[in-house]
């Protein structure tokens, strides 16, 4: 299953500024499979050290974290020769061995020719207790498959061409085809196992069964996240957040059985585990976007398929709606746009809520594309008067225009400073330097 991040990994391999790379991402988004495939395809030797499956290997890092000694012992433990430039060392589930995390800085300083990738699903928890030196490590993040990758998995070459290019008006036939594909994606989602099942069986029901298995697995993992967080509270908050996508997040509404501090701790734990995205309210007057207040925010889920299962949308008549932007009161479309643009916005999502007395003006997302701030609305086919969007453009006249995503085809209204885009262009419309390669180079360096 080809992923967009494959190009990023290849850029990393060939970079003259390459450093040990830490790949983040929630559980079951395909980190291990993607990195192992990349290593097998691009190196003579792949050395995989899985600290969860082989905890005995952690002892290699207990004596000291001298890179040359560690390499000698890894060669002995794996019966593989490790050669700089020809071998990829892959530390999987590295959060299980914090000293291996610390060792990455010394590998960069003392053996910079070695190619090392580390990955783990609960890294944020382990890294909170470790101090990393500046400039020694690079980061990348793997998300669920987005809609473009979904088409890649299905082998729809023409759709891949369209979705890889800047948005434009489509023929009626192409538009209808992409909207049909998008409806499948709404209910299959982007978790690799669910996508694989759908590709093989062409059954949405089978994919939804996989979603159920993934959700159960994620909930079983809650005990690993934080021993000080109530597991029942975590499970309840997880489901409540799925049901409240598109609404301002209020702790009191997420679980009636627990106190606010307990709910807040559960929420923050889910954010750390990358199962949900916080969407902060911002002041869009300039760069970087400034968060207005930490008390006003919304939330979207890791994956639209997970949202579908947790909310039970597939069990209802919502599936038969023809206007995708109206399914589940429009929340599925808002979730879709959010997770598509998160890939291009360094996993940072923002929206605008007008901070004025008796004002309800709110714009679904605010994005930055090529140093331009763009307000984004997600609307049904009957978009209405777009009062909040017009209020935004009035208050921030330097903004060149806004995007309105819906089930309709592409159209432009320059006199209103608005571009109407079909939902399936959410990824390409939010991408910086759209005409460049499909993925950015690793840009987060600490």
Protein backbone atom coordinates (compact mmCIF):
# COMPACT_ATOMS: atom_id res chain seq x y z
CA UNK A 1 0.00 0.00 0.00
CA UNK A 2 1.79 3.12 -1.24
CA UNK A 3 1.75 6.13 1.07
CA UNK A 4 2.53 9.79 0.46
CA UNK A 5 5.02 9.66 3.32
CA UNK A 6 7.16 7.30 1.19
CA UNK A 7 8.41 10.35 -0.72
CA UNK A 8 9.22 12.13 2.54
CA UNK A 9 11.24 9.14 3.75
CA UNK A 10 13.15 9.01 0.46
CA UNK A 11 13.94 12.73 0.77
CA UNK A 12 15.20 12.05 4.29
CA UNK A 13 17.42 9.19 3.09
CA UNK A 14 19.03 11.35 0.41
CA UNK A 15 19.36 14.53 2.47
CA UNK A 16 22.80 15.91 3.26
CA UNK A 17 21.31 17.15 6.55
CA UNK A 18 19.86 13.79 7.55
CA UNK A 19 19.49 13.15 11.28
CA UNK A 20 17.91 10.24 13.16
CA UNK A 21 14.21 10.40 12.29
CA UNK A 22 11.41 9.87 14.79
CA UNK A 23 8.09 8.95 13.15
CA UNK A 24 5.04 9.80 15.21
CA UNK A 25 1.47 8.70 14.78
CA UNK A 26 -1.45 7.04 16.54
CA UNK A 27 -1.71 3.30 16.86
CA UNK A 28 -2.62 1.33 13.73
CA UNK A 29 -2.00 4.11 11.18
CA UNK A 30 0.64 2.02 9.42
CA UNK A 31 3.94 3.24 10.87
CA UNK A 32 5.63 -0.17 11.18
CA UNK A 33 4.46 -1.43 7.79
CA UNK A 34 5.43 1.77 5.97
CA UNK A 35 8.90 2.09 7.49
CA UNK A 36 9.71 -1.61 7.08
CA UNK A 37 8.61 -1.51 3.43
CA UNK A 38 10.69 1.60 2.85
CA UNK A 39 13.73 -0.01 4.44
CA UNK A 40 13.38 -3.23 2.46
CA UNK A 41 13.02 -1.32 -0.83
CA UNK A 42 15.79 1.25 -0.35
CA UNK A 43 18.57 -0.44 1.66
CA UNK A 44 20.70 -3.55 1.32
CA UNK A 45 19.98 -4.44 4.93
CA UNK A 46 17.04 -3.69 7.23
CA UNK A 47 17.59 -4.18 10.95
CA UNK A 48 14.34 -4.05 12.93
CA UNK A 49 14.53 -3.73 16.73
CA UNK A 50 11.01 -4.10 18.17
CA UNK A 51 11.20 -3.23 21.86
CA UNK A 52 7.62 -4.37 22.51
CA UNK A 53 7.97 -7.84 20.98
CA UNK A 54 11.57 -8.36 22.14
CA UNK A 55 11.92 -6.52 25.47
CA UNK A 56 15.19 -8.34 26.14
CA UNK A 57 16.82 -6.04 23.57
CA UNK A 58 16.38 -3.14 25.98
CA UNK A 59 19.30 -4.54 27.97
CA UNK A 60 21.63 -3.46 25.16
CA UNK A 61 21.02 0.15 26.23
CA UNK A 62 21.31 -0.37 30.00
CA UNK A 63 25.10 -0.44 30.35
CA UNK A 64 25.75 2.78 28.46
CA UNK A 65 24.61 4.45 25.25
CA UNK A 66 27.88 4.37 23.36
CA UNK A 67 26.86 4.03 19.67
CA UNK A 68 29.76 1.82 18.56
CA UNK A 69 29.11 -0.70 21.34
CA UNK A 70 25.35 -0.65 20.67
CA UNK A 71 25.93 -1.37 16.97
CA UNK A 72 28.22 -4.30 17.82
CA UNK A 73 25.57 -5.82 20.08
CA UNK A 74 22.78 -5.21 17.57
CA UNK A 75 24.80 -7.06 14.94
CA UNK A 76 25.25 -9.95 17.34
CA UNK A 77 21.56 -9.99 18.37
CA UNK A 78 20.21 -9.83 14.81
CA UNK A 79 22.96 -11.69 12.92
CA UNK A 80 23.05 -8.81 10.42
CA UNK A 81 25.95 -6.61 9.38
CA UNK A 82 25.27 -2.91 9.95
CA UNK A 83 26.97 -0.72 7.34
CA UNK A 84 26.62 3.10 7.21
CA UNK A 85 24.68 4.15 4.11
CA UNK A 86 23.63 0.57 3.29
CA UNK A 87 21.69 -0.37 6.43
CA UNK A 88 18.51 1.08 7.90
CA UNK A 89 18.20 0.59 11.65
CA UNK A 90 14.53 0.71 12.64
CA UNK A 91 13.76 1.07 16.35
CA UNK A 92 10.06 0.15 16.61
CA UNK A 93 7.91 0.92 19.67
CA UNK A 94 10.85 2.90 20.97
CA UNK A 95 8.77 4.39 23.78
CA UNK A 96 9.29 1.03 25.53
CA UNK A 97 13.02 1.84 25.81
CA UNK A 98 13.55 5.51 26.79
CA UNK A 99 17.34 5.07 26.82
CA UNK A 100 17.19 4.13 23.14
CA UNK A 101 15.44 7.46 22.56
CA UNK A 102 18.23 9.27 24.39
CA UNK A 103 20.86 7.37 22.39
CA UNK A 104 19.68 8.93 19.12
CA UNK A 105 21.55 12.17 19.85
CA UNK A 106 24.81 10.25 20.26
CA UNK A 107 24.28 8.32 17.06
CA UNK A 108 23.97 11.65 15.25
CA UNK A 109 27.08 13.08 16.92
CA UNK A 110 29.34 10.03 16.74
CA UNK A 111 28.03 7.92 13.83
CA UNK A 112 26.22 10.38 11.51
CA UNK A 113 26.58 8.02 8.53
CA UNK A 114 24.14 5.52 10.05
CA UNK A 115 20.52 5.76 8.87
CA UNK A 116 18.17 5.40 11.86
CA UNK A 117 14.38 5.66 12.05
CA UNK A 118 12.48 5.28 15.31
CA UNK A 119 8.71 4.95 15.68
CA UNK A 120 6.15 4.43 18.39
CA UNK A 121 2.49 5.00 19.11
CA UNK A 122 2.80 6.46 22.59
CA UNK A 123 5.89 8.56 22.06
CA UNK A 124 4.41 11.75 23.45
CA UNK A 125 4.16 10.16 26.89
CA UNK A 126 7.76 8.88 26.87
CA UNK A 127 9.18 12.06 25.38
CA UNK A 128 7.58 14.17 28.07
CA UNK A 129 10.13 12.77 30.50
CA UNK A 130 13.18 13.08 28.23
CA UNK A 131 15.18 16.17 27.33
CA UNK A 132 16.24 16.29 23.67
CA UNK A 133 19.10 18.52 22.55
CA UNK A 134 18.40 21.09 19.86
CA UNK A 135 19.27 20.12 16.28
CA UNK A 136 19.96 16.41 16.81
CA UNK A 137 16.71 14.75 15.71
CA UNK A 138 14.10 15.17 12.97
CA UNK A 139 10.40 14.36 13.20
CA UNK A 140 7.79 13.18 10.71
CA UNK A 141 4.20 12.10 11.25
CA UNK A 142 2.07 9.37 9.69
CA UNK A 143 -1.68 9.86 9.53
CA UNK A 144 -4.47 7.54 8.40
CA UNK A 145 -4.70 7.30 4.60
CA UNK A 146 -6.20 10.48 3.21
CA UNK A 147 -8.60 10.51 0.26
CA UNK A 148 -5.78 10.68 -2.29
CA UNK A 149 -4.06 7.67 -0.72
CA UNK A 150 -7.42 5.88 -0.66
CA UNK A 151 -7.60 6.32 -4.44
CA UNK A 152 -4.00 5.12 -4.71
CA UNK A 153 -4.96 1.95 -2.83
CA UNK A 154 -7.90 1.43 -5.20
CA UNK A 155 -5.71 2.05 -8.26
CA UNK A 156 -7.90 4.86 -9.64
CA UNK A 157 -5.16 6.50 -11.72
CA UNK A 158 -7.31 9.27 -13.19
CA UNK A 159 -8.64 10.23 -9.76
CA UNK A 160 -5.06 10.30 -8.44
CA UNK A 161 -4.10 12.75 -11.21
CA UNK A 162 -7.02 15.06 -10.41
CA UNK A 163 -6.48 15.02 -6.64
CA UNK A 164 -2.74 15.63 -6.94
CA UNK A 165 -3.20 18.88 -8.87
CA UNK A 166 -4.53 22.31 -7.85
CA UNK A 167 -8.35 22.47 -7.63
CA UNK A 168 -10.23 23.23 -10.83
CA UNK A 169 -13.68 22.79 -12.33
CA UNK A 170 -14.42 19.17 -13.15
CA UNK A 171 -16.66 17.68 -15.82
CA UNK A 172 -20.01 16.48 -14.47
CA UNK A 173 -18.96 12.87 -15.00
CA UNK A 174 -15.66 13.27 -13.15
CA UNK A 175 -17.30 15.24 -10.34
CA UNK A 176 -19.96 12.59 -9.79
CA UNK A 177 -17.36 9.83 -9.86
CA UNK A 178 -15.18 11.54 -7.25
CA UNK A 179 -18.18 12.26 -5.02
CA UNK A 180 -19.16 8.57 -5.20
CA UNK A 181 -15.60 7.61 -4.23
CA UNK A 182 -15.68 10.17 -1.43
CA UNK A 183 -18.87 8.69 -0.01
CA UNK A 184 -17.13 5.31 0.21
CA UNK A 185 -14.23 6.99 2.00
CA UNK A 186 -16.60 8.68 4.45
CA UNK A 187 -17.70 5.25 5.70
CA UNK A 188 -14.50 3.23 5.17
CA UNK A 189 -12.15 5.88 6.53
CA UNK A 190 -8.38 5.83 6.28
CA UNK A 191 -7.18 3.28 8.83
CA UNK A 192 -4.95 0.97 6.74
CA UNK A 193 -6.57 -2.30 7.81
CA UNK A 194 -10.06 -1.00 7.01
CA UNK A 195 -8.89 0.30 3.62
CA UNK A 196 -7.14 -2.99 2.83
CA UNK A 197 -10.31 -4.92 3.69
CA UNK A 198 -12.43 -2.66 1.47
CA UNK A 199 -9.98 -2.92 -1.44
CA UNK A 200 -9.98 -6.71 -1.21
CA UNK A 201 -13.71 -7.27 -0.61
CA UNK A 202 -15.36 -4.09 -1.96
CA UNK A 203 -17.60 -4.34 1.12
CA UNK A 204 -18.19 -1.31 3.32
CA UNK A 205 -19.76 -3.59 5.93
CA UNK A 206 -16.54 -5.59 6.16
CA UNK A 207 -14.55 -2.37 6.55
CA UNK A 208 -16.89 -1.26 9.34
CA UNK A 209 -16.31 -4.56 11.14
CA UNK A 210 -12.60 -3.77 11.05
CA UNK A 211 -13.34 -0.29 12.44
CA UNK A 212 -15.06 -1.97 15.38
CA UNK A 213 -12.03 -4.17 15.99
CA UNK A 214 -9.74 -1.13 15.84
CA UNK A 215 -11.91 0.84 18.29
CA UNK A 216 -11.94 -2.07 20.73
CA UNK A 217 -8.18 -2.40 20.41
CA UNK A 218 -7.67 1.32 21.02
CA UNK A 219 -9.84 1.19 24.14
CA UNK A 220 -7.91 -1.81 25.45
CA UNK A 221 -4.75 0.26 25.01
CA UNK A 222 -6.12 3.03 27.24
CA UNK A 223 -4.51 1.37 30.26
CA UNK A 224 -1.08 1.97 28.67
CA UNK A 225 -1.62 5.68 28.10
CA UNK A 226 -1.55 7.10 31.57
CA UNK A 227 -2.01 5.11 34.80
CA UNK A 228 -3.47 8.19 36.46
CA UNK A 229 -6.36 8.55 33.99
CA UNK A 230 -9.65 6.70 34.51
CA UNK A 231 -10.11 4.18 31.66
CA UNK A 232 -13.90 4.39 31.78
CA UNK A 233 -13.71 8.16 31.56
CA UNK A 234 -11.33 7.88 28.58
CA UNK A 235 -13.70 5.57 26.72
CA UNK A 236 -16.70 7.81 27.38
CA UNK A 237 -14.87 10.98 26.35
CA UNK A 238 -13.56 9.28 23.19
CA UNK A 239 -17.09 8.44 22.04
CA UNK A 240 -18.52 11.82 23.08
CA UNK A 241 -15.88 13.68 21.09
CA UNK A 242 -16.83 11.71 17.98
CA UNK A 243 -20.45 12.73 18.48
CA UNK A 244 -19.56 16.40 18.92
CA UNK A 245 -17.33 17.06 15.93
CA UNK A 246 -18.06 20.55 14.63
CA UNK A 247 -19.19 21.84 18.03
CA UNK A 248 -17.23 23.80 20.59
CA UNK A 249 -15.73 21.33 23.06
CA UNK A 250 -17.00 21.68 26.62
CA UNK A 251 -15.69 19.26 29.20
CA UNK A 252 -18.99 19.17 31.07
CA UNK A 253 -20.77 17.73 28.02
CA UNK A 254 -18.27 14.91 27.40
CA UNK A 255 -19.06 12.69 30.38
CA UNK A 256 -21.68 13.20 33.06
CA UNK A 257 -20.18 10.62 35.41
CA UNK A 258 -16.88 12.33 36.15
CA UNK A 259 -15.58 15.66 37.42
CA UNK A 260 -14.22 18.37 35.12
CA UNK A 261 -10.56 17.80 36.12
CA UNK A 262 -10.91 14.07 35.41
CA UNK A 263 -12.53 14.73 32.03
CA UNK A 264 -9.89 17.32 31.13
CA UNK A 265 -7.13 14.85 31.97
CA UNK A 266 -8.82 12.21 29.79
CA UNK A 267 -9.15 14.68 26.92
CA UNK A 268 -5.51 15.73 27.09
CA UNK A 269 -4.48 12.07 27.17
CA UNK A 270 -6.41 11.38 23.94
CA UNK A 271 -4.72 14.38 22.33
CA UNK A 272 -1.30 13.10 23.42
CA UNK A 273 -2.13 9.67 21.99
CA UNK A 274 -3.01 11.46 18.71
CA UNK A 275 -6.49 9.95 18.64
CA UNK A 276 -8.08 13.40 18.45
CA UNK A 277 -7.03 16.81 17.12
CA UNK A 278 -7.61 20.02 19.06
CA UNK A 279 -8.84 22.89 16.87
CA UNK A 280 -7.87 26.14 18.59
CA UNK A 281 -9.63 29.47 18.14
CA UNK A 282 -7.17 31.96 16.62
CA UNK A 283 -6.58 35.59 15.87
CA UNK A 284 -5.80 35.58 12.12
CA UNK A 285 -4.14 39.00 11.90
CA UNK A 286 -0.72 37.65 10.95
CA UNK A 287 1.85 34.88 11.19
CA UNK A 288 2.13 32.80 13.22
CA UNK A 289 -1.57 32.38 13.95
CA UNK A 290 -2.17 33.39 17.56
CA UNK A 291 -4.44 31.27 19.76
CA UNK A 292 -7.12 33.55 21.22
CA UNK A 293 -7.72 31.58 24.40
CA UNK A 294 -7.06 28.02 25.52
CA UNK A 295 -10.63 27.85 26.83
CA UNK A 296 -12.26 28.04 23.40
CA UNK A 297 -11.61 25.11 21.06
CA UNK A 298 -13.21 22.39 18.98
CA UNK A 299 -12.12 18.82 18.31
CA UNK A 300 -12.02 16.44 15.40
CA UNK A 301 -11.13 12.77 15.36
CA UNK A 302 -8.07 10.96 14.08
CA UNK A 303 -10.13 9.31 11.33
CA UNK A 304 -13.56 9.71 9.77
CA UNK A 305 -14.07 5.93 9.74
CA UNK A 306 -13.49 5.77 13.50
CA UNK A 307 -15.94 8.63 13.91
CA UNK A 308 -18.48 6.75 11.78
CA UNK A 309 -18.24 3.65 13.95
CA UNK A 310 -18.29 5.40 17.33
CA UNK A 311 -21.35 7.45 16.34
CA UNK A 312 -23.12 4.50 14.69
CA UNK A 313 -23.77 6.61 11.58
CA UNK A 314 -23.58 3.55 9.34
CA UNK A 315 -26.63 2.10 11.11
CA UNK A 316 -28.87 5.03 10.21
CA UNK A 317 -30.50 6.54 7.14
CA UNK A 318 -27.66 9.07 7.03
CA UNK A 319 -25.80 6.67 4.72
CA UNK A 320 -28.44 7.15 2.02
CA UNK A 321 -28.16 10.95 1.88
CA UNK A 322 -26.98 12.22 -1.50
CA UNK A 323 -25.50 15.48 -0.19
CA UNK A 324 -22.31 14.40 1.60
CA UNK A 325 -21.97 17.77 3.27
CA UNK A 326 -25.31 17.18 5.03
CA UNK A 327 -24.56 13.77 6.55
CA UNK A 328 -24.78 13.70 10.35
CA UNK A 329 -25.74 17.41 10.49
CA UNK A 330 -22.68 18.20 8.35
CA UNK A 331 -20.23 16.92 10.96
CA UNK A 332 -18.80 14.17 8.74
CA UNK A 333 -17.87 16.70 6.05
CA UNK A 334 -16.29 18.97 8.67
CA UNK A 335 -14.36 16.00 10.07
CA UNK A 336 -13.19 15.06 6.57
CA UNK A 337 -11.94 18.55 5.74
CA UNK A 338 -10.20 18.77 9.12
CA UNK A 339 -8.25 15.55 8.79
CA UNK A 340 -7.33 16.31 5.16
CA UNK A 341 -5.87 19.72 5.96
CA UNK A 342 -4.14 18.44 9.13
CA UNK A 343 -1.74 16.54 6.86
CA UNK A 344 -0.65 19.82 5.23
CA UNK A 345 -0.80 22.10 8.25
CA UNK A 346 1.79 20.34 10.45
CA UNK A 347 -1.07 18.74 12.37
CA UNK A 348 -2.16 22.16 13.64
CA UNK A 349 -5.84 22.98 13.18
CA UNK A 350 -7.43 26.35 13.85
CA UNK A 351 -10.83 28.02 13.53
CA UNK A 352 -12.21 31.50 14.09
CA UNK A 353 -14.81 32.45 16.67
CA UNK A 354 -15.65 36.14 16.85
CA UNK A 355 -14.90 37.43 20.32
CA UNK A 356 -17.65 40.03 20.55
CA UNK A 357 -20.63 40.27 22.85
CA UNK A 358 -23.76 38.52 21.50
CA UNK A 359 -21.87 37.39 18.40
CA UNK A 360 -22.17 33.83 17.10
CA UNK A 361 -19.94 34.30 14.03
CA UNK A 362 -17.67 31.30 13.52
CA UNK A 363 -15.58 30.03 10.60
CA UNK A 364 -14.90 26.28 10.56
CA UNK A 365 -11.16 26.42 9.85
CA UNK A 366 -8.38 28.94 9.31
CA UNK A 367 -5.41 27.72 7.27
CA UNK A 368 -2.13 29.16 6.05
CA UNK A 369 -1.19 28.38 2.45
CA UNK A 370 1.92 29.89 0.86
CA UNK A 371 2.05 32.63 3.52
CA UNK A 372 -1.60 33.50 2.93
CA UNK A 373 -4.30 33.18 5.61
CA UNK A 374 -7.47 31.58 4.27
CA UNK A 375 -10.77 31.13 6.14
CA UNK A 376 -12.53 27.85 5.36
CA UNK A 377 -16.21 26.99 5.63
CA UNK A 378 -17.79 23.56 5.15
CA UNK A 379 -21.37 23.93 3.94
CA UNK A 380 -24.23 21.92 2.51
CA UNK A 381 -25.12 22.29 -1.16
CA UNK A 382 -27.45 25.11 -0.16
CA UNK A 383 -24.71 27.24 1.33
CA UNK A 384 -26.96 30.04 2.53
CA UNK A 385 -25.67 33.55 3.09
CA UNK A 386 -22.31 32.62 4.65
CA UNK A 387 -22.67 35.41 7.21
CA UNK A 388 -19.70 34.29 9.31
CA UNK A 389 -17.41 34.09 6.29
CA UNK A 390 -18.40 37.57 5.13
CA UNK A 391 -17.93 38.90 8.67
CA UNK A 392 -14.43 37.41 8.73
CA UNK A 393 -13.49 38.96 5.37
CA UNK A 394 -14.87 42.31 6.55
CA UNK A 395 -12.90 42.29 9.81
CA UNK A 396 -9.70 41.14 8.10
CA UNK A 397 -9.60 43.01 4.78
CA UNK A 398 -6.00 41.95 4.11
CA UNK A 399 -7.24 38.39 3.67
CA UNK A 400 -7.32 37.69 -0.08
CA UNK A 401 -10.31 35.38 0.05
CA UNK A 402 -11.97 32.33 1.53
CA UNK A 403 -12.76 28.73 0.63
CA UNK A 404 -16.21 27.16 0.86
CA UNK A 405 -16.24 23.35 0.66
CA UNK A 406 -19.45 21.58 -0.33
CA UNK A 407 -20.81 18.81 -2.55
CA UNK A 408 -20.96 21.26 -5.48
CA UNK A 409 -18.47 21.60 -8.32
CA UNK A 410 -15.71 24.22 -8.42
CA UNK A 411 -16.72 27.87 -8.93
CA UNK A 412 -15.25 31.30 -8.22
CA UNK A 413 -16.91 34.52 -7.04
CA UNK A 414 -14.12 37.13 -7.06
CA UNK A 415 -16.47 39.98 -6.19
CA UNK A 416 -17.18 38.19 -2.90
CA UNK A 417 -13.57 36.98 -2.51
CA UNK A 418 -14.87 33.39 -2.36
CA UNK A 419 -13.91 30.15 -4.08
CA UNK A 420 -16.36 27.25 -3.86
CA UNK A 421 -14.60 23.89 -3.83
CA UNK A 422 -15.87 20.32 -3.91
CA UNK A 423 -15.01 18.44 -0.71
CA UNK A 424 -12.57 16.11 -2.42
CA UNK A 425 -10.15 19.01 -3.03
CA UNK A 426 -9.58 19.65 0.70
CA UNK A 427 -6.09 18.14 0.58
CA UNK A 428 -4.78 19.87 -2.53
CA UNK A 429 -6.36 23.23 -1.63
CA UNK A 430 -4.63 23.30 1.76
CA UNK A 431 -1.21 22.32 0.47
CA UNK A 432 1.73 24.69 0.31
CA UNK A 433 3.43 24.81 -3.10
CA UNK A 434 0.87 22.51 -4.66
CA UNK A 435 2.91 21.98 -7.80
CA UNK A 436 5.89 20.53 -5.89
CA UNK A 437 6.26 16.88 -4.83
CA UNK A 438 3.37 15.26 -3.03
CA UNK A 439 4.96 15.44 0.42
CA UNK A 440 7.03 17.92 2.32
CA UNK A 441 10.49 17.17 3.63
CA UNK A 442 10.82 16.54 7.37
CA UNK A 443 10.54 20.07 8.71
CA UNK A 444 10.11 19.63 12.45
CA UNK A 445 13.59 19.58 13.97
CA UNK A 446 14.29 19.78 17.71
